[in-house]
Amino acid sequence: MKLVSYGPPGKERAGVVLRDEVVDIGFSNPRIPATWREVFERGMTSEVAAYARRGTYRQHLSEVRLGPPVPNPTKIVCLGLAYASHAGEGKEEPPAEPQLFCKAPSALAGPNDDIVYPKQVRKLDYEVELAVVIGRRARRVAEEEALSLAAGYMVLNDVSARCAQFGDKQWFRGKSFDTFCPTGPYIVTPDEVGNPDGLELKSWVNGEARQDSNTSELLYGVGKIISYVSAQMTLMPGDIIATGTPEGVGVFMDPPGLLEAGDVVEMEIKGIGRLRNRVVEEE
């Protein structure tokens, strides 16, 4: 299935994409919660799948705004330097184990929403990443069982203010400005994705190819990443794990290829979907 959240910012409702339509899963069934986080918390994904096929309230995809598929996670956990190629372009040694940081959930944006360039930022950058959405509460899950925690996968742009990231010597502020986490367009369920360790991921700025890699190049498999994070903290339904970015980010290009107002940033993971976000100046 392809799971979406649609509607105005802050008022998104859970839906399922069938062909070119969005089926509202709770419109005529009050038992079904209005957000995917609540659906996962109640273990109702299978029930939702059956109901979606019969759902009567449908809108064409072109007629709705898609928001972040999980608008309200308890946390967004990210990996730094998770591809050797990205560590190399920044002249860093690949870490011996996953290097974790967080983005604020308030940074979330939809797959076609604008990225707002904050007034205090001077170096704005992009990062294409595979994101895992957690489907149930878990702690200390073995690597061989970790993929069973995934409700699905989506595309994530880890937008980064490099001036803040490098100036602070830690990553939270530079990664957490509002709109710095476009996600979507869907959560694609594991049965449709298959092996998450062999997915092509790419990015473009104004149509120019920037990143072109495969999750098989991750230093750690997706199962190991989920297991490692679960050993550090309790994972909750709806939580997001961003698995890191490959080489090709703007700050390390020669000359730098950083973002400017008016740029259009696109990210795609084969079989999962595509983000398209315009950069706009903060009003």
Foldseek 3Di string as FASTA:
>chain_A
DWWFWWDDPPDTFIFDDDPQKTFGQPPPPVVQDRAQQVCLAVVNPVVSVVSNVVGDDMDGNVVIFTWANHLDFPWEKEWEQQFVQACVLVPHHRDPDTDIDTEDSQQGTELAEADADEPVFDFKKKFKWKKFFFRAKAAQDDLVCQVVRGQAIKIWIQIFRVCCPVVVVHGHVRRYDHNRIYMDSTGDGCVQVPAQQFKWKWKDKQNHTFDTDGSVRGPDGPSVVRNVVRHVDIGHGGYMYTYYGHDRMQVSDVVGDTDDQQMWMKMDIPRGDMGIYGYHYDD
